[in-house]
């Protein structure tokens, strides 16, 4: 017999899955970093902007959460065919699909309402991210073209611009470089996932690069994108020398891992290692940007 604790645990698990908790967190952190770095560069005290910070974080989190839920709602047919997504509440039916859609819409609306209390530039960046993720990516390209990864990368890459623009205009080298960093990062990160789950994507008819072009060409794409990350830290000296050194070490490590991929016998094991490296790479670098610019380090 199912206990109250079991039901609560299942509900919590469903909510995490519905909002893609880890994906949501990985998108919220760059918003936080963008906001903090804008304060750092303009030498503005956080205490003067704590209200704006709360509004920006709540708004962007709700907005991105809404987009992720709508993605889950739309993808229920292919999620049914993939082992890694079969336990999502949209597939199991624990949360009815009409309810899922309304959750996505309501969360998105709430998010934009909050963001309207920041400034129009923040709203525009958020709108670009939301629209790109929901329509060109989820509803058009994901099932048809390998370029879906490029399109989807735009939605994640605007996140630091949202945080930065809450403080000052986004036409500054730092937020633009952070946009490029996330945009480029998402390609090898997503390809690593696609390699690990290639058979599931094939069964679901999703046009991921490893499915359409094979593993070797995918590895070449991953290597080129990782190589493109190498010069980015050298344009971020304003953040600090320590950050530039650590980021460069991480980049060199990823380049080495990418090259090693051409020699491995177990592609799936290598893809898993690449995936874990990419996840830690992004989180560590964006948290490090905040740490090295804290007043205690200045």
Protein backbone atom coordinates (compact mmCIF):
# COMPACT_ATOMS: atom_id res chain seq x y z
CA UNK A 1 0.00 0.00 0.00
CA UNK A 2 1.31 3.43 -0.98
CA UNK A 3 2.01 5.68 2.00
CA UNK A 4 1.73 9.45 2.26
CA UNK A 5 5.51 9.66 2.20
CA UNK A 6 5.60 7.61 -1.00
CA UNK A 7 3.04 9.91 -2.65
CA UNK A 8 4.95 13.02 -1.58
CA UNK A 9 8.18 11.54 -2.88
CA UNK A 10 6.53 10.67 -6.20
CA UNK A 11 5.04 14.17 -6.50
CA UNK A 12 8.42 15.77 -5.80
CA UNK A 13 10.04 13.50 -8.39
CA UNK A 14 7.36 14.38 -10.95
CA UNK A 15 7.81 18.10 -10.38
CA UNK A 16 11.59 17.82 -10.76
CA UNK A 17 11.12 15.89 -13.99
CA UNK A 18 8.43 18.21 -15.32
CA UNK A 19 10.58 21.31 -14.85
CA UNK A 20 13.80 19.50 -15.84
CA UNK A 21 15.36 20.64 -12.56
CA UNK A 22 19.02 20.22 -13.53
CA UNK A 23 18.52 21.97 -16.87
CA UNK A 24 16.65 24.78 -15.13
CA UNK A 25 19.43 25.26 -12.56
CA UNK A 26 22.10 25.29 -15.28
CA UNK A 27 20.18 28.13 -16.96
CA UNK A 28 19.51 30.11 -13.79
CA UNK A 29 23.18 30.20 -12.71
CA UNK A 30 24.31 32.21 -15.81
CA UNK A 31 21.54 34.75 -15.11
CA UNK A 32 22.94 35.15 -11.61
CA UNK A 33 26.50 35.41 -12.95
CA UNK A 34 25.53 37.99 -15.57
CA UNK A 35 23.81 40.12 -12.93
CA UNK A 36 26.75 39.89 -10.53
CA UNK A 37 29.38 40.70 -13.14
CA UNK A 38 27.43 43.77 -14.26
CA UNK A 39 27.55 44.99 -10.66
CA UNK A 40 31.27 44.22 -10.50
CA UNK A 41 32.16 46.01 -13.73
CA UNK A 42 30.09 49.09 -12.87
CA UNK A 43 31.39 49.03 -9.27
CA UNK A 44 27.82 49.05 -7.97
CA UNK A 45 26.98 47.78 -4.47
CA UNK A 46 24.66 44.77 -4.41
CA UNK A 47 22.64 46.23 -1.53
CA UNK A 48 21.37 48.96 -3.88
CA UNK A 49 20.01 46.39 -6.31
CA UNK A 50 18.82 43.53 -4.12
CA UNK A 51 15.17 44.18 -5.03
CA UNK A 52 15.96 44.17 -8.75
CA UNK A 53 18.01 41.01 -8.22
CA UNK A 54 15.07 39.16 -6.66
CA UNK A 55 12.69 40.26 -9.43
CA UNK A 56 15.16 39.26 -12.15
CA UNK A 57 15.85 35.85 -10.65
CA UNK A 58 12.20 35.03 -9.97
CA UNK A 59 11.12 36.25 -13.40
CA UNK A 60 13.81 34.41 -15.34
CA UNK A 61 13.30 31.19 -13.35
CA UNK A 62 9.54 31.17 -13.94
CA UNK A 63 10.00 32.08 -17.60
CA UNK A 64 12.54 29.33 -18.25
CA UNK A 65 10.59 26.83 -16.15
CA UNK A 66 7.50 27.55 -18.25
CA UNK A 67 9.38 26.96 -21.49
CA UNK A 68 10.80 23.66 -20.20
CA UNK A 69 7.34 22.46 -19.16
CA UNK A 70 5.89 23.31 -22.59
CA UNK A 71 8.78 21.36 -24.13
CA UNK A 72 7.80 18.36 -21.99
CA UNK A 73 4.17 18.74 -23.01
CA UNK A 74 4.98 18.86 -26.72
CA UNK A 75 7.53 16.01 -26.63
CA UNK A 76 5.29 13.46 -24.91
CA UNK A 77 5.09 11.28 -28.04
CA UNK A 78 8.85 10.87 -28.41
CA UNK A 79 9.39 10.75 -24.64
CA UNK A 80 7.18 7.65 -24.62
CA UNK A 81 9.68 5.91 -26.90
CA UNK A 82 12.85 6.81 -25.00
CA UNK A 83 13.98 4.94 -21.88
CA UNK A 84 15.47 8.02 -20.22
CA UNK A 85 12.16 9.93 -20.45
CA UNK A 86 9.58 7.19 -19.90
CA UNK A 87 9.12 8.15 -16.25
CA UNK A 88 8.24 11.76 -16.93
CA UNK A 89 4.77 12.63 -15.58
CA UNK A 90 3.64 13.53 -19.09
CA UNK A 91 4.29 9.92 -20.13
CA UNK A 92 3.05 8.13 -17.02
CA UNK A 93 -0.06 10.29 -16.90
CA UNK A 94 0.46 11.29 -13.28
CA UNK A 95 -0.04 14.89 -14.39
CA UNK A 96 -2.63 15.25 -17.21
CA UNK A 97 -1.34 16.83 -20.41
CA UNK A 98 -3.81 19.77 -20.39
CA UNK A 99 -2.63 20.58 -16.85
CA UNK A 100 1.00 20.39 -18.00
CA UNK A 101 0.32 22.83 -20.83
CA UNK A 102 -1.44 25.28 -18.52
CA UNK A 103 1.41 25.05 -16.02
CA UNK A 104 3.86 25.92 -18.80
CA UNK A 105 1.76 28.85 -20.02
CA UNK A 106 1.02 30.25 -16.55
CA UNK A 107 4.64 29.97 -15.40
CA UNK A 108 5.81 31.70 -18.59
CA UNK A 109 3.31 34.54 -18.12
CA UNK A 110 4.26 34.99 -14.46
CA UNK A 111 7.93 35.06 -15.45
CA UNK A 112 7.43 37.79 -18.04
CA UNK A 113 5.25 39.83 -15.66
CA UNK A 114 8.12 39.89 -13.18
CA UNK A 115 10.66 40.71 -15.89
CA UNK A 116 8.55 43.65 -17.09
CA UNK A 117 9.46 45.31 -13.77
CA UNK A 118 13.15 45.31 -14.81
CA UNK A 119 13.57 46.89 -18.24
CA UNK A 120 12.64 46.29 -21.86
CA UNK A 121 16.06 44.93 -22.82
CA UNK A 122 15.78 42.16 -20.24
CA UNK A 123 12.32 41.30 -21.55
CA UNK A 124 13.60 41.18 -25.15
CA UNK A 125 16.44 38.79 -24.27
CA UNK A 126 14.04 36.61 -22.30
CA UNK A 127 11.57 36.66 -25.18
CA UNK A 128 14.26 35.60 -27.65
CA UNK A 129 15.22 32.70 -25.40
CA UNK A 130 11.63 31.58 -24.75
CA UNK A 131 10.43 31.87 -28.34
CA UNK A 132 13.54 30.18 -29.76
CA UNK A 133 13.25 27.24 -27.37
CA UNK A 134 9.50 26.69 -27.74
CA UNK A 135 8.93 27.24 -31.45
CA UNK A 136 11.99 26.92 -33.76
CA UNK A 137 13.61 24.31 -31.50
CA UNK A 138 10.87 22.25 -29.83
CA UNK A 139 8.11 22.47 -32.39
CA UNK A 140 10.03 22.68 -35.65
CA UNK A 141 13.67 21.63 -35.91
CA UNK A 142 14.19 19.04 -33.15
CA UNK A 143 12.61 16.15 -35.02
CA UNK A 144 13.64 17.19 -38.52
CA UNK A 145 17.14 18.65 -38.72
CA UNK A 146 20.51 18.16 -37.04
CA UNK A 147 20.74 21.95 -36.84
CA UNK A 148 18.22 21.71 -33.99
CA UNK A 149 21.18 21.76 -31.58
CA UNK A 150 22.37 25.11 -32.92
CA UNK A 151 18.88 26.60 -32.66
CA UNK A 152 18.37 25.28 -29.15
CA UNK A 153 21.73 26.69 -28.07
CA UNK A 154 20.53 30.25 -28.65
CA UNK A 155 17.88 29.95 -25.94
CA UNK A 156 20.42 28.92 -23.31
CA UNK A 157 23.04 31.42 -24.43
CA UNK A 158 20.89 34.50 -23.76
CA UNK A 159 20.70 33.76 -20.01
CA UNK A 160 23.76 35.84 -18.93
CA UNK A 161 22.46 38.69 -21.09
CA UNK A 162 19.22 38.66 -19.09
CA UNK A 163 21.11 39.07 -15.81
CA UNK A 164 23.55 41.64 -17.16
CA UNK A 165 20.91 43.80 -18.87
CA UNK A 166 19.06 44.21 -15.58
CA UNK A 167 21.96 46.45 -14.52
CA UNK A 168 23.26 47.96 -17.73
CA UNK A 169 22.91 47.55 -21.54
CA UNK A 170 24.05 44.20 -22.89
CA UNK A 171 26.25 45.70 -25.60
CA UNK A 172 29.39 45.09 -23.57
CA UNK A 173 32.17 42.57 -24.34
CA UNK A 174 31.64 40.49 -21.18
CA UNK A 175 27.97 39.47 -21.65
CA UNK A 176 28.56 38.95 -25.37
CA UNK A 177 31.50 36.65 -24.60
CA UNK A 178 29.41 34.78 -22.03
CA UNK A 179 26.74 34.36 -24.69
CA UNK A 180 29.34 32.89 -27.05
CA UNK A 181 30.76 30.66 -24.32
CA UNK A 182 27.38 29.09 -23.54
CA UNK A 183 26.36 28.89 -27.20
CA UNK A 184 29.55 27.03 -28.14
CA UNK A 185 29.53 24.91 -24.96
CA UNK A 186 26.05 23.60 -25.62
CA UNK A 187 27.09 21.94 -28.88
CA UNK A 188 29.61 19.37 -27.55
CA UNK A 189 27.51 19.02 -24.39
CA UNK A 190 24.39 18.11 -26.36
CA UNK A 191 26.29 15.89 -28.78
CA UNK A 192 27.68 13.90 -25.85
CA UNK A 193 24.11 13.27 -24.66
CA UNK A 194 23.02 12.38 -28.18
CA UNK A 195 25.84 9.85 -28.53
CA UNK A 196 24.98 8.17 -25.23
CA UNK A 197 21.30 7.96 -26.17
CA UNK A 198 21.69 7.58 -29.92
CA UNK A 199 19.61 4.40 -30.16
CA UNK A 200 16.78 6.00 -28.22
CA UNK A 201 16.87 9.08 -30.43
CA UNK A 202 16.90 6.84 -33.49
CA UNK A 203 13.86 4.92 -32.25
CA UNK A 204 12.05 8.18 -31.53
CA UNK A 205 12.93 9.62 -34.94
CA UNK A 206 14.81 12.62 -33.56
CA UNK A 207 17.39 13.99 -36.02
CA UNK A 208 20.40 14.26 -33.73
CA UNK A 209 23.83 14.45 -35.36
CA UNK A 210 25.13 11.03 -34.15
CA UNK A 211 21.98 9.39 -35.50
CA UNK A 212 22.14 11.06 -38.91
CA UNK A 213 25.90 11.40 -39.49
CA UNK A 214 27.46 8.83 -37.17
CA UNK A 215 29.80 9.00 -34.18
CA UNK A 216 33.04 9.90 -35.95
CA UNK A 217 31.65 13.03 -37.61
CA UNK A 218 30.00 13.96 -34.33
CA UNK A 219 33.39 13.72 -32.59
CA UNK A 220 34.90 16.06 -35.16
CA UNK A 221 32.11 18.57 -34.55
CA UNK A 222 32.67 18.30 -30.80
CA UNK A 223 36.42 18.82 -31.19
CA UNK A 224 35.99 21.93 -33.35
CA UNK A 225 33.49 23.50 -30.96
CA UNK A 226 35.65 22.76 -27.91
CA UNK A 227 38.62 24.28 -29.76
CA UNK A 228 36.55 27.44 -30.31
CA UNK A 229 36.20 27.82 -26.54
CA UNK A 230 39.96 28.19 -26.08
CA UNK A 231 40.38 31.92 -26.88
CA UNK A 232 37.30 33.14 -24.96
CA UNK A 233 38.89 33.42 -21.48
CA UNK A 234 41.68 35.62 -22.87
CA UNK A 235 39.08 38.32 -23.60
CA UNK A 236 37.82 38.18 -20.00
CA UNK A 237 40.84 39.66 -18.22
CA UNK A 238 38.56 42.12 -16.42
CA UNK A 239 37.24 39.21 -14.38
CA UNK A 240 40.73 38.35 -13.19
CA UNK A 241 43.91 36.51 -14.11
CA UNK A 242 43.06 33.57 -11.86
CA UNK A 243 39.84 32.96 -13.76
CA UNK A 244 41.60 33.17 -17.13
CA UNK A 245 44.19 30.59 -16.03
CA UNK A 246 41.65 28.14 -14.58
CA UNK A 247 39.33 28.48 -17.59
CA UNK A 248 42.23 27.86 -19.96
CA UNK A 249 43.22 24.73 -18.03
CA UNK A 250 39.65 23.48 -18.29
CA UNK A 251 39.63 24.22 -22.02
CA UNK A 252 42.91 22.38 -22.60
CA UNK A 253 41.60 19.43 -20.61
CA UNK A 254 38.46 19.30 -22.74
CA UNK A 255 40.50 19.53 -25.95
CA UNK A 256 42.60 16.60 -24.76
CA UNK A 257 39.48 14.61 -23.91
CA UNK A 258 38.03 15.37 -27.35
CA UNK A 259 41.18 14.19 -29.11
CA UNK A 260 41.20 11.04 -27.00
CA UNK A 261 37.72 10.31 -28.33
CA UNK A 262 39.17 9.39 -31.72
CA UNK A 263 41.16 6.55 -30.12
CA UNK A 264 38.65 5.02 -27.72
CA UNK A 265 37.02 1.66 -28.29
CA UNK A 266 33.99 2.33 -26.08
CA UNK A 267 32.26 5.38 -27.56
CA UNK A 268 29.44 5.29 -25.05
CA UNK A 269 31.76 5.36 -22.06
CA UNK A 270 33.74 8.23 -23.60
CA UNK A 271 30.50 10.11 -24.34
CA UNK A 272 29.47 9.74 -20.70
CA UNK A 273 32.80 11.13 -19.51
CA UNK A 274 32.47 14.00 -22.01
CA UNK A 275 28.97 14.75 -20.76
CA UNK A 276 30.10 14.86 -17.12
CA UNK A 277 33.06 17.06 -18.04
CA UNK A 278 30.82 19.50 -19.90
CA UNK A 279 28.31 19.79 -17.03
CA UNK A 280 31.02 20.48 -14.46
CA UNK A 281 32.85 22.81 -16.86
CA UNK A 282 29.95 25.22 -17.16
CA UNK A 283 28.88 25.21 -13.52
CA UNK A 284 32.41 25.60 -12.19
CA UNK A 285 33.35 28.43 -14.55
CA UNK A 286 30.20 30.46 -13.95
CA UNK A 287 30.38 30.03 -10.18
CA UNK A 288 34.10 30.83 -10.33
CA UNK A 289 33.33 34.12 -12.10
CA UNK A 290 31.28 35.14 -9.07
CA UNK A 291 33.82 33.93 -6.51
CA UNK A 292 36.86 35.70 -8.00
CA UNK A 293 34.96 38.99 -8.21
CA UNK A 294 33.73 38.97 -4.61
CA UNK A 295 34.97 42.00 -2.61
CA UNK A 296 37.19 39.80 -0.43
CA UNK A 297 39.30 38.93 -3.50
CA UNK A 298 39.67 42.50 -4.73
